[in-house]
Protein backbone atom coordinates (compact mmCIF):
# COMPACT_ATOMS: atom_id res chain seq x y z
CA MET A 1 -4.49 14.85 24.64
CA ARG A 2 -3.09 14.30 21.46
CA TYR A 3 -4.30 10.55 20.13
CA THR A 4 -3.15 8.81 16.86
CA PHE A 5 -4.77 6.29 15.58
CA ALA A 6 -4.03 3.15 13.71
CA ILE A 7 -6.62 1.96 10.99
CA GLY A 8 -6.20 -2.23 9.87
CA ASP A 9 -6.85 -3.54 6.48
CA ILE A 10 -9.11 -1.82 4.92
CA HIS A 11 -9.48 -4.63 1.54
CA GLY A 12 -12.39 -2.88 -0.29
CA CYS A 13 -14.95 -2.69 2.64
CA ILE A 14 -16.84 0.78 2.09
CA ASP A 15 -19.15 0.34 4.90
CA PRO A 16 -16.78 -0.31 7.59
CA LEU A 17 -14.32 2.40 6.91
CA ASN A 18 -16.89 5.14 6.70
CA ARG A 19 -18.20 3.80 9.33
CA MET A 20 -14.72 4.00 11.31
CA ILE A 21 -13.90 7.36 10.60
CA ASP A 22 -17.03 8.28 11.67
CA ARG A 23 -16.05 7.18 14.72
CA VAL A 24 -12.51 8.27 15.46
CA GLU A 25 -13.91 12.04 14.77
CA ALA A 26 -16.62 11.48 17.61
CA TYR A 27 -13.67 10.23 19.81
CA ALA A 28 -11.82 13.34 19.79
CA SER A 29 -12.23 16.59 17.68
CA GLU A 30 -8.34 16.43 16.04
CA GLY A 31 -5.31 13.49 15.72
CA THR A 32 -3.62 11.74 13.55
CA VAL A 33 -4.78 8.64 12.32
CA VAL A 34 -2.29 6.27 10.15
CA PHE A 35 -4.03 3.49 7.87
CA LEU A 36 -1.37 0.50 7.58
CA GLY A 37 -2.09 -0.75 3.93
CA ASP A 38 -4.27 -3.04 1.92
CA TYR A 39 -6.26 -0.42 1.30
CA VAL A 40 -7.84 -3.08 -2.30
CA ASP A 41 -8.42 -6.35 -2.73
CA ARG A 42 -10.69 -9.14 -1.82
CA GLY A 43 -13.52 -6.60 -1.12
CA PRO A 44 -16.79 -5.82 -3.43
CA ASP A 45 -15.47 -2.01 -3.83
CA SER A 46 -11.71 -1.12 -3.70
CA LYS A 47 -12.52 1.50 -5.72
CA SER A 48 -14.83 3.88 -3.67
CA VAL A 49 -11.78 2.61 -0.66
CA LEU A 50 -9.50 4.56 -2.97
CA ASP A 51 -11.99 7.05 -3.64
CA ARG A 52 -12.50 8.40 0.15
CA ILE A 53 -8.80 7.84 1.07
CA ILE A 54 -7.16 9.86 -1.32
CA ALA A 55 -10.00 12.62 -0.84
CA GLY A 56 -8.59 13.54 2.72
CA PRO A 57 -10.00 13.99 6.31
CA SER A 58 -11.18 17.07 7.56
CA ASP A 59 -9.64 19.75 9.53
CA PRO A 60 -7.72 19.72 11.21
CA TRP A 61 -7.16 16.26 10.86
CA ARG A 62 -3.86 14.41 9.69
CA TRP A 63 -3.76 11.85 7.14
CA ILE A 64 -1.06 9.13 6.98
CA CYS A 65 -1.09 6.36 4.01
CA LEU A 66 1.25 3.78 4.12
CA LYS A 67 2.30 0.96 1.39
CA GLY A 68 0.67 -2.57 2.20
CA ASN A 69 1.43 -5.74 -0.04
CA HIS A 70 -1.94 -5.85 -1.87
CA GLU A 71 -1.49 -1.90 -3.53
CA ASP A 72 2.97 -2.88 -4.31
CA LEU A 73 0.78 -6.12 -6.33
CA MET A 74 -1.61 -3.78 -7.52
CA VAL A 75 0.66 -1.58 -8.92
CA ALA A 76 3.09 -4.37 -10.09
CA ALA A 77 0.15 -5.33 -12.26
CA TYR A 78 0.19 -2.85 -14.36
CA ALA A 79 3.63 -2.63 -15.11
CA ASP A 80 3.90 -6.27 -15.66
CA SER A 81 2.34 -8.72 -18.00
CA ASP A 82 3.72 -11.50 -15.88
CA SER A 83 2.97 -9.38 -12.02
CA ARG A 84 -1.48 -9.20 -13.63
CA ASP A 85 -1.30 -12.97 -14.34
CA VAL A 86 -0.88 -13.49 -10.87
CA TRP A 87 -2.74 -10.41 -9.20
CA ILE A 88 -5.96 -11.75 -11.34
CA GLY A 89 -5.05 -15.38 -11.35
CA ILE A 90 -4.23 -16.43 -8.04
CA GLY A 91 -7.22 -15.56 -5.31
CA ILE A 92 -5.69 -12.13 -3.62
CA GLY A 93 -8.64 -10.71 -5.04
CA GLY A 94 -7.44 -8.35 -8.40
CA LEU A 95 -9.80 -9.68 -9.83
CA GLU A 96 -12.98 -7.79 -7.24
CA THR A 97 -10.06 -4.14 -7.78
CA GLU A 98 -11.11 -3.77 -11.12
CA MET A 99 -14.57 -5.44 -11.23
CA SER A 100 -14.86 -2.29 -8.47
CA TYR A 101 -13.31 0.18 -11.05
CA GLY A 102 -15.75 -1.74 -13.80
CA GLY A 103 -12.62 -2.49 -15.80
CA ARG A 104 -9.13 -0.55 -15.74
CA VAL A 105 -7.47 0.56 -11.98
CA LEU A 106 -7.81 4.60 -12.43
CA PRO A 107 -4.34 5.08 -13.78
CA GLN A 108 -4.40 8.02 -11.08
CA HIS A 109 -4.77 5.87 -8.55
CA LEU A 110 -2.14 3.45 -9.50
CA GLN A 111 0.18 6.67 -9.21
CA TRP A 112 -0.72 7.42 -5.39
CA ALA A 113 -0.38 3.73 -4.40
CA ALA A 114 2.89 3.92 -5.98
CA ASP A 115 4.07 6.85 -4.08
CA LEU A 116 3.01 5.54 -0.78
CA PRO A 117 5.18 5.39 1.99
CA PHE A 118 6.65 2.07 3.67
CA MET A 119 7.07 3.61 7.41
CA HIS A 120 5.85 6.49 9.50
CA ILE A 121 7.44 6.40 13.14
CA ASP A 122 6.85 9.50 15.84
CA ARG A 123 8.19 9.59 19.04
CA TYR A 124 7.17 6.20 20.64
CA ARG A 125 6.16 4.40 17.91
CA ILE A 126 6.84 2.58 14.73
CA PHE A 127 4.07 1.96 12.62
CA VAL A 128 4.33 -0.72 9.29
CA HIS A 129 1.81 -2.55 7.18
CA ALA A 130 3.32 -5.79 8.07
CA GLY A 131 6.70 -5.72 10.68
CA VAL A 132 10.56 -5.39 10.74
CA ASP A 133 13.40 -7.63 11.12
CA PRO A 134 14.69 -6.58 14.49
CA ALA A 135 18.20 -7.93 13.45
CA PHE A 136 18.73 -4.93 10.56
CA PRO A 137 19.39 -1.42 11.58
CA LEU A 138 15.81 0.57 11.28
CA GLU A 139 17.04 2.30 8.16
CA GLN A 140 18.04 -1.43 6.21
CA GLN A 141 14.87 -2.52 6.60
CA SER A 142 13.78 -4.80 3.17
CA GLU A 143 10.70 -3.59 1.68
CA HIS A 144 9.52 -6.80 1.52
CA ASP A 145 9.51 -7.72 4.78
CA LEU A 146 7.60 -4.26 5.29
CA LEU A 147 5.56 -5.39 3.41
CA TRP A 148 4.74 -9.05 3.96
CA LEU A 149 6.77 -10.30 7.07
CA ARG A 150 4.46 -12.25 9.75
CA PHE A 151 5.78 -12.55 13.45
CA PRO A 152 4.85 -16.26 15.12
CA PRO A 153 2.09 -16.38 17.53
CA GLY A 154 3.76 -14.68 21.26
CA GLU A 155 6.69 -12.73 19.45
CA SER A 156 7.71 -9.56 20.15
CA GLY A 157 11.03 -7.58 20.80
CA ASP A 158 12.20 -3.86 21.64
CA TYR A 159 11.90 -2.22 18.49
CA TRP A 160 14.42 0.31 19.21
CA GLY A 161 13.12 1.42 22.18
CA LYS A 162 9.51 1.33 20.52
CA HIS A 163 6.38 -0.32 20.34
CA LEU A 164 5.47 -1.40 16.85
CA VAL A 165 2.18 -1.12 15.49
CA HIS A 166 1.26 -3.32 12.12
CA GLY A 167 -1.83 -5.04 9.87
CA HIS A 168 -1.22 -7.84 7.33
CA THR A 169 -1.84 -10.55 9.44
CA PRO A 170 -5.36 -11.45 9.67
CA SER A 171 -7.05 -12.82 12.90
CA LEU A 172 -10.42 -13.00 14.09
CA SER A 173 -9.11 -12.91 17.48
CA ASN A 174 -6.94 -9.32 17.10
CA PRO A 175 -6.54 -7.04 17.83
CA VAL A 176 -3.60 -8.16 20.17
CA THR A 177 -1.05 -6.68 21.87
CA THR A 178 1.92 -8.45 22.23
CA GLY A 179 4.90 -7.19 23.90
CA ASN A 180 6.02 -4.21 22.22
CA ARG A 181 4.44 -4.92 19.20
CA THR A 182 0.25 -4.68 18.11
CA ASN A 183 -0.98 -6.41 15.40
CA ILE A 184 -4.53 -4.70 14.36
CA ASP A 185 -5.66 -6.81 11.27
CA SER A 186 -9.12 -8.51 12.75
CA GLY A 187 -9.88 -10.40 9.04
CA CYS A 188 -12.71 -7.04 8.33
CA VAL A 189 -12.83 -8.91 4.97
CA PHE A 190 -13.19 -12.41 6.51
CA GLY A 191 -16.35 -11.40 8.43
CA GLY A 192 -14.70 -9.50 11.14
CA LYS A 193 -14.28 -6.65 11.88
CA LEU A 194 -11.93 -3.03 10.78
CA SER A 195 -10.08 -2.23 14.08
CA CYS A 196 -8.69 1.05 15.54
CA ALA A 197 -5.75 0.96 18.05
CA VAL A 198 -5.41 4.77 19.75
CA PHE A 199 -2.79 5.85 21.28
CA ASP A 200 -1.78 8.76 23.53
CA ASP A 201 0.89 11.26 22.02
CA ASP A 202 2.38 11.64 25.38
CA VAL A 203 2.87 8.75 26.54
CA ALA A 204 5.35 5.73 25.47
CA GLY A 205 3.88 1.93 24.55
CA GLY A 206 0.35 0.06 23.64
CA PRO A 207 -2.60 1.51 23.08
CA ILE A 208 -4.56 2.94 24.95
CA ASP A 209 -7.75 2.01 23.71
CA PHE A 210 -9.32 -0.29 20.73
CA ILE A 211 -12.10 1.11 18.25
CA GLU A 212 -14.36 -1.85 16.63
CA VAL A 213 -16.15 -1.78 13.50
CA ARG A 214 -18.29 -5.24 12.64
CA ALA A 215 -18.49 -5.81 9.05
């Protein structure tokens, strides 16, 4: 059996991330891990989170890292002074991120974040940070929706015959599967847990299991 593991929003919480990686690697001897973005901001140690994820997996694991809206905000903050004022000043976590670096974010971390893909698609599933708009073809999704869209409670769709996996909208009651959609942002940085959805690569549909680590 081959597995894909999707891990939700981390937000600078390095200890839950390290424990989650250990749990995933204890679950199977190999597989694909998809990180759904929002590695930085709000939590205490965004630098350590990026250090760990950029270092990558041990063989034979494969990691895929997607861009979240907070990575996008961080990159924009260093490209434009107005964006920087927003990132630092309105309580979205930019100040905590810079504090974890003892000053400015490392240029190589900014470049890594800037280059992240918005979406990962496999045989049966679509992985994205925030969501997709079924009114538009998959190849025509806007970056804004991929990073910022929020679903009303209970909403689902056909998603081009695939199961949609996302984070971005936190709730202490997550992870939750609603029809063809699974939200795994369990509000780790808000005192919840870091969640991971486990998928059988050879079977269509939603998760076969969840792994949860308390903050």
